[in-house]
Amino acid sequence: MTAITTGPGVVAAPGRRRRRRRRADHDGGVAERAGGLRRTPISFTLLVVLALFAILPVLVLVFNAFKSDTELATNPLGFPSTWELSNLATAWSLGRLGQGLRNSAVLVAGTVVGVWVCAGMAAYSLARLNVPFKRGISTYLLVCISLPAQMFLVPLFFLWTRLGLYDNLFGLVLIYVALNTPFATLLLETFLVGIPKELDEAARLDGANEWQVATKVMLPLARPGFLTAGLVVGLAVYGELFFAVIFMASPDNWPISAAFLQFQQGFTRLYGIQNAAGLVMVLPVIGLFLFMQRRFISGLASSGVKG
């Protein structure tokens, strides 16, 4: 294509100029639409309302954690007039919240790792291998999720007592892994099914065995699914109370949820200390969310296949 000259300079060819003009118009239109969405009063108002709806309960909890019982009765929603910093120290010592946080950390870490291993292998088998009765297995997992775990409480209690797993953190981790693996398996299966089969076929042609295909190719591409399952399972285990109260008899083994429940029953009128204990219990969850938010979103937005 011949360039067109207009005076001393040489301008681009007509086809190239048309492509640049279309690209500039497209980019300008996208920017204009995005700017219009950002400047829409309704969207801005809706986002502000949702943000206030999410943050106001946390702010009220923070304010009440530093109020005296007298001020809580007269000013339950406003700023504290005098900040009672001793509420946190009293709640930490009397409620044994430090031991509860350590036990909860052990339970969450053990359960998440166990669920990743069990659900990861099961999801890979259902999504990438020729396993017979795939639909039947998926239906069985769905039924397991639907059934209430309280149905198996009595036989499980006697079995754990005979095995020596009662009042044991490892025994509670096994229960949590069994309860959360069906859901995590179905969740991870959806991520693994979406990965093109050409990738594992290419890995097999390169000489990789099944274990290498699973660990080096498939499972890393399903990292957003593992992160999602880990966050959901971890939050569920952190706030779980039913099995923690039944299978943990010693206060030294209580997680933070059981410690907070006992603290609430023992100090029913010390509302300022109760709010301080609730703040201590909520802060790790908020910190984990703020720390993992960007990685979680970027992991979901990333793709294993580049077009």
Protein backbone atom coordinates (compact mmCIF):
# COMPACT_ATOMS: atom_id res chain seq x y z
CA MET A 1 0.00 0.00 0.00
CA THR A 2 1.39 3.36 -1.01
CA ALA A 3 1.70 6.10 1.58
CA ILE A 4 0.09 9.49 0.87
CA THR A 5 2.26 12.58 1.20
CA THR A 6 0.92 16.02 2.03
CA GLY A 7 3.84 18.41 2.03
CA PRO A 8 7.15 17.68 3.67
CA GLY A 9 5.88 14.87 5.93
CA VAL A 10 4.62 11.41 5.11
CA VAL A 11 1.40 10.27 6.70
CA ALA A 12 0.20 6.72 7.31
CA ALA A 13 -1.53 4.64 4.70
CA PRO A 14 -5.34 4.98 4.41
CA GLY A 15 -6.00 1.45 5.72
CA ARG A 16 -3.76 1.94 8.69
CA ARG A 17 -5.33 5.33 9.44
CA ARG A 18 -8.81 3.79 9.36
CA ARG A 19 -7.76 1.04 11.78
CA ARG A 20 -6.25 3.59 14.16
CA ARG A 21 -9.38 5.73 13.96
CA ARG A 22 -11.64 2.76 14.71
CA ARG A 23 -9.44 1.73 17.64
CA ALA A 24 -9.44 5.28 19.02
CA ASP A 25 -13.23 5.52 18.64
CA HIS A 26 -13.68 2.16 20.36
CA ASP A 27 -11.36 3.08 23.24
CA GLY A 28 -13.04 6.45 23.62
CA GLY A 29 -16.48 4.85 23.66
CA VAL A 30 -15.44 2.30 26.27
CA ALA A 31 -13.90 5.01 28.44
CA GLU A 32 -16.97 7.18 28.05
CA ARG A 33 -19.28 4.32 29.03
CA ALA A 34 -17.10 3.41 32.01
CA GLY A 35 -16.98 7.06 33.09
CA GLY A 36 -20.74 7.27 32.73
CA LEU A 37 -21.18 4.24 34.96
CA ARG A 38 -18.87 5.71 37.55
CA ARG A 39 -20.67 9.04 37.50
CA THR A 40 -24.20 7.62 37.72
CA PRO A 41 -25.81 8.96 40.91
CA ILE A 42 -27.94 5.85 41.37
CA SER A 43 -24.91 3.55 41.18
CA PHE A 44 -22.93 5.73 43.56
CA THR A 45 -25.80 5.90 46.04
CA LEU A 46 -26.34 2.14 45.88
CA LEU A 47 -22.67 1.43 46.52
CA VAL A 48 -22.62 3.82 49.48
CA VAL A 49 -25.73 2.19 50.98
CA LEU A 50 -24.23 -1.30 50.57
CA ALA A 51 -20.93 -0.18 52.10
CA LEU A 52 -22.71 1.35 55.09
CA PHE A 53 -24.87 -1.76 55.47
CA ALA A 54 -21.71 -3.87 55.65
CA ILE A 55 -19.54 -1.67 57.85
CA LEU A 56 -21.99 -0.15 60.33
CA PRO A 57 -22.47 -3.34 62.43
CA VAL A 58 -18.69 -3.68 62.69
CA LEU A 59 -18.35 -0.05 63.75
CA VAL A 60 -21.05 -0.47 66.40
CA LEU A 61 -19.21 -3.53 67.71
CA VAL A 62 -15.96 -1.59 67.87
CA PHE A 63 -17.57 1.33 69.70
CA ASN A 64 -19.38 -0.90 72.19
CA ALA A 65 -16.20 -2.86 72.92
CA PHE A 66 -14.73 0.27 74.53
CA LYS A 67 -17.79 1.38 76.52
CA SER A 68 -18.74 0.75 80.11
CA ASP A 69 -21.97 -1.06 80.92
CA THR A 70 -23.57 2.20 82.06
CA GLU A 71 -22.73 3.98 78.83
CA LEU A 72 -23.94 1.02 76.78
CA ALA A 73 -27.37 1.36 78.38
CA THR A 74 -27.60 5.07 77.60
CA ASN A 75 -25.64 5.23 74.31
CA PRO A 76 -25.71 1.87 72.50
CA LEU A 77 -24.97 3.17 68.97
CA GLY A 78 -22.82 6.27 69.30
CA PHE A 79 -19.16 7.00 69.95
CA PRO A 80 -17.90 6.16 73.42
CA SER A 81 -17.42 9.19 75.63
CA THR A 82 -14.61 7.46 77.52
CA TRP A 83 -12.65 4.66 75.91
CA GLU A 84 -12.50 1.69 78.29
CA LEU A 85 -9.32 0.02 77.03
CA SER A 86 -9.38 -2.38 79.94
CA ASN A 87 -12.30 -4.28 78.36
CA LEU A 88 -9.99 -5.97 75.87
CA ALA A 89 -7.49 -7.03 78.53
CA THR A 90 -10.26 -8.35 80.78
CA ALA A 91 -11.91 -10.27 77.95
CA TRP A 92 -8.58 -11.74 76.83
CA SER A 93 -7.65 -12.99 80.28
CA LEU A 94 -11.02 -14.10 81.66
CA GLY A 95 -12.28 -15.66 78.46
CA ARG A 96 -8.96 -17.39 77.58
CA LEU A 97 -9.33 -16.05 74.08
CA GLY A 98 -5.66 -16.54 73.24
CA GLN A 99 -5.94 -20.29 73.71
CA GLY A 100 -9.18 -20.28 71.72
CA LEU A 101 -7.54 -18.47 68.81
CA ARG A 102 -4.66 -20.95 68.76
CA ASN A 103 -7.05 -23.90 68.75
CA SER A 104 -9.14 -22.32 65.99
CA ALA A 105 -5.99 -21.73 63.92
CA VAL A 106 -5.07 -25.42 64.25
CA LEU A 107 -8.59 -26.51 63.31
CA VAL A 108 -8.83 -24.18 60.32
CA ALA A 109 -5.38 -25.01 58.94
CA GLY A 110 -5.81 -28.77 59.39
CA THR A 111 -9.29 -28.78 57.88
CA VAL A 112 -8.37 -26.65 54.87
CA VAL A 113 -5.33 -28.81 54.06
CA GLY A 114 -7.32 -32.01 54.49
CA VAL A 115 -10.16 -30.76 52.33
CA TRP A 116 -7.74 -29.60 49.65
CA VAL A 117 -6.13 -33.04 49.49
CA CYS A 118 -9.32 -35.13 49.61
CA ALA A 119 -11.52 -32.87 47.50
CA GLY A 120 -8.73 -32.11 45.03
CA MET A 121 -8.10 -35.78 44.23
CA ALA A 122 -11.82 -36.58 44.10
CA ALA A 123 -12.61 -33.58 41.88
CA TYR A 124 -9.74 -34.39 39.51
CA SER A 125 -10.96 -37.98 39.18
CA LEU A 126 -14.53 -36.91 38.44
CA ALA A 127 -13.56 -34.12 36.04
CA ARG A 128 -10.61 -35.53 34.09
CA LEU A 129 -10.65 -39.35 34.38
CA ASN A 130 -13.00 -41.99 33.02
CA VAL A 131 -14.51 -42.91 36.35
CA PRO A 132 -17.62 -45.14 36.15
CA PHE A 133 -20.89 -43.82 37.61
CA LYS A 134 -19.76 -40.19 37.60
CA ARG A 135 -23.29 -38.85 37.81
CA GLY A 136 -24.14 -41.27 40.57
CA ILE A 137 -21.13 -40.14 42.60
CA SER A 138 -22.00 -36.47 42.06
CA THR A 139 -25.58 -37.16 43.12
CA TYR A 140 -24.32 -38.97 46.21
CA LEU A 141 -22.15 -35.98 47.14
CA LEU A 142 -25.10 -33.66 46.64
CA VAL A 143 -27.21 -35.85 48.94
CA CYS A 144 -24.44 -35.79 51.54
CA ILE A 145 -24.52 -32.01 51.49
CA SER A 146 -28.29 -31.97 51.87
CA LEU A 147 -28.43 -34.35 54.85
CA PRO A 148 -28.11 -32.74 58.30
CA ALA A 149 -24.99 -33.87 60.11
CA GLN A 150 -26.94 -34.12 63.37
CA MET A 151 -28.40 -37.41 62.10
CA PHE A 152 -25.05 -39.13 62.67
CA LEU A 153 -24.20 -37.42 65.95
CA VAL A 154 -24.95 -40.30 68.35
CA PRO A 155 -23.06 -43.11 66.51
CA LEU A 156 -20.24 -40.70 65.72
CA PHE A 157 -19.94 -39.73 69.38
CA PHE A 158 -19.64 -43.35 70.53
CA LEU A 159 -17.22 -44.19 67.70
CA TRP A 160 -14.97 -41.23 68.51
CA THR A 161 -15.02 -42.17 72.18
CA ARG A 162 -13.89 -45.74 71.43
CA LEU A 163 -11.17 -44.55 69.06
CA GLY A 164 -9.81 -42.09 71.59
CA LEU A 165 -10.59 -39.09 69.37
CA TYR A 166 -13.02 -37.46 71.78
CA ASP A 167 -11.77 -34.15 73.24
CA ASN A 168 -9.01 -34.15 70.63
CA LEU A 169 -8.27 -31.47 68.04
CA PHE A 170 -7.25 -34.05 65.46
CA GLY A 171 -10.57 -35.87 65.91
CA LEU A 172 -12.47 -32.63 65.36
CA VAL A 173 -10.39 -31.91 62.26
CA LEU A 174 -11.42 -35.30 60.83
CA ILE A 175 -15.08 -34.45 61.41
CA TYR A 176 -14.71 -31.06 59.73
CA VAL A 177 -12.88 -32.58 56.75
CA ALA A 178 -15.64 -35.15 56.29
CA LEU A 179 -18.35 -32.49 56.53
CA ASN A 180 -16.79 -30.06 54.06
CA THR A 181 -15.23 -32.40 51.48
CA PRO A 182 -18.45 -33.09 49.47
CA PHE A 183 -19.12 -29.40 48.88
CA ALA A 184 -15.48 -28.66 48.06
CA THR A 185 -15.39 -31.60 45.64
CA LEU A 186 -18.36 -30.33 43.66
CA LEU A 187 -16.93 -26.81 43.68
CA LEU A 188 -13.49 -27.87 42.47
CA GLU A 189 -15.03 -30.13 39.84
CA THR A 190 -16.64 -27.11 38.18
CA PHE A 191 -13.23 -25.42 37.92
CA LEU A 192 -11.48 -28.52 36.57
CA VAL A 193 -14.19 -29.25 34.00
CA GLY A 194 -13.72 -25.79 32.50
CA ILE A 195 -10.04 -26.40 31.73
CA PRO A 196 -9.53 -27.49 28.10
CA LYS A 197 -8.63 -31.15 27.72
CA GLU A 198 -5.97 -30.29 25.16
CA LEU A 199 -3.68 -29.24 28.00
CA ASP A 200 -3.54 -32.60 29.76
CA GLU A 201 -3.43 -34.40 26.43
CA ALA A 202 -0.42 -32.32 25.43
CA ALA A 203 1.23 -33.08 28.76
CA ARG A 204 0.70 -36.82 28.23
CA LEU A 205 2.19 -36.58 24.75
CA ASP A 206 5.26 -34.96 26.33
CA GLY A 207 5.69 -38.03 28.53
CA ALA A 208 4.02 -36.88 31.76
CA ASN A 209 2.33 -39.53 33.87
CA GLU A 210 -1.07 -39.09 35.51
CA TRP A 211 0.36 -37.76 38.76
CA GLN A 212 2.45 -35.17 36.92
CA VAL A 213 -0.53 -34.12 34.80
CA ALA A 214 -2.63 -33.65 37.92
CA THR A 215 -0.05 -31.85 40.07
CA LYS A 216 1.89 -29.90 37.44
CA VAL A 217 -0.83 -28.94 34.96
CA MET A 218 -4.41 -29.33 36.15
CA LEU A 219 -4.34 -28.45 39.84
CA PRO A 220 -2.27 -25.24 39.42
CA LEU A 221 -4.76 -24.04 36.81
CA ALA A 222 -7.57 -24.65 39.31
CA ARG A 223 -5.89 -22.42 41.92
CA PRO A 224 -8.86 -19.99 42.05
CA GLY A 225 -11.12 -22.92 42.89
CA PHE A 226 -8.81 -24.12 45.67
CA LEU A 227 -8.61 -20.60 47.06
CA THR A 228 -12.39 -20.24 47.01
CA ALA A 229 -12.91 -23.62 48.67
CA GLY A 230 -10.26 -22.86 51.29
CA LEU A 231 -11.83 -19.53 52.20
CA VAL A 232 -15.35 -20.93 52.43
CA VAL A 233 -14.28 -23.97 54.46
CA GLY A 234 -11.99 -21.94 56.70
CA LEU A 235 -14.70 -19.43 57.58
CA ALA A 236 -17.20 -22.22 58.22
CA VAL A 237 -14.80 -24.03 60.56
CA TYR A 238 -13.83 -20.82 62.36
CA GLY A 239 -17.43 -20.06 63.28
CA GLU A 240 -18.62 -23.65 63.84
CA LEU A 241 -20.00 -24.26 67.32
CA PHE A 242 -22.21 -27.37 67.38
CA PHE A 243 -19.55 -30.08 67.01
CA ALA A 244 -16.97 -28.04 68.91
CA VAL A 245 -19.14 -27.94 72.01
CA ILE A 246 -20.09 -31.63 71.84
CA PHE A 247 -16.70 -33.16 71.00
CA MET A 248 -14.56 -30.85 73.14
CA ALA A 249 -14.90 -31.24 76.90
CA SER A 250 -11.69 -29.59 78.11
CA PRO A 251 -11.55 -25.76 78.04
CA ASP A 252 -7.94 -26.06 76.86
CA ASN A 253 -9.19 -27.51 73.56
CA TRP A 254 -12.07 -25.11 72.95
CA PRO A 255 -11.90 -23.06 69.77
CA ILE A 256 -12.69 -19.37 69.84
CA SER A 257 -16.40 -19.94 69.14
CA ALA A 258 -16.83 -22.25 72.13
CA ALA A 259 -14.72 -19.97 74.33
CA PHE A 260 -16.88 -17.01 73.40
CA LEU A 261 -20.08 -18.94 74.12
CA GLN A 262 -18.85 -19.96 77.56
CA PHE A 263 -17.71 -16.40 78.21
CA GLN A 264 -21.13 -15.07 77.28
CA GLN A 265 -22.87 -17.50 79.61
CA GLY A 266 -20.53 -16.73 82.48
CA PHE A 267 -20.70 -12.94 82.20
CA THR A 268 -24.22 -12.24 80.96
CA ARG A 269 -24.30 -8.68 82.36
CA LEU A 270 -20.84 -7.51 81.40
CA TYR A 271 -21.91 -6.33 77.98
CA GLY A 272 -18.84 -4.18 77.37
CA ILE A 273 -16.53 -7.16 77.96
CA GLN A 274 -18.75 -9.34 75.77
CA ASN A 275 -18.45 -6.86 72.91
CA ALA A 276 -14.69 -6.76 73.43
CA ALA A 277 -14.56 -10.55 73.20
CA GLY A 278 -16.67 -10.41 70.04
CA LEU A 279 -14.28 -7.87 68.56
CA VAL A 280 -11.33 -10.15 69.28
CA MET A 281 -13.17 -13.00 67.57
CA VAL A 282 -14.07 -10.96 64.48
CA LEU A 283 -10.74 -9.22 63.89
CA PRO A 284 -8.90 -12.29 62.44
CA VAL A 285 -11.69 -12.81 59.90
CA ILE A 286 -11.61 -9.17 58.83
CA GLY A 287 -7.83 -9.22 58.59
CA LEU A 288 -7.87 -12.39 56.51
CA PHE A 289 -10.45 -10.90 54.15
CA LEU A 290 -8.47 -7.69 53.68
CA PHE A 291 -5.25 -9.65 53.12
CA MET A 292 -6.71 -12.16 50.66
CA GLN A 293 -9.17 -9.91 48.83
CA ARG A 294 -6.86 -8.75 46.02
CA ARG A 295 -5.30 -12.19 45.54
CA PHE A 296 -8.70 -13.83 45.55
CA ILE A 297 -10.14 -11.46 42.94
CA SER A 298 -7.03 -11.59 40.76
CA GLY A 299 -7.05 -15.38 40.96
CA LEU A 300 -10.65 -15.54 39.81
CA ALA A 301 -9.98 -13.06 37.01
CA SER A 302 -6.90 -14.86 35.75
CA SER A 303 -7.20 -17.58 33.12
CA GLY A 304 -5.06 -20.63 32.62
CA VAL A 305 -5.37 -20.45 28.83
CA LYS A 306 -4.14 -17.44 26.91
CA GLY A 307 -6.02 -16.72 23.73
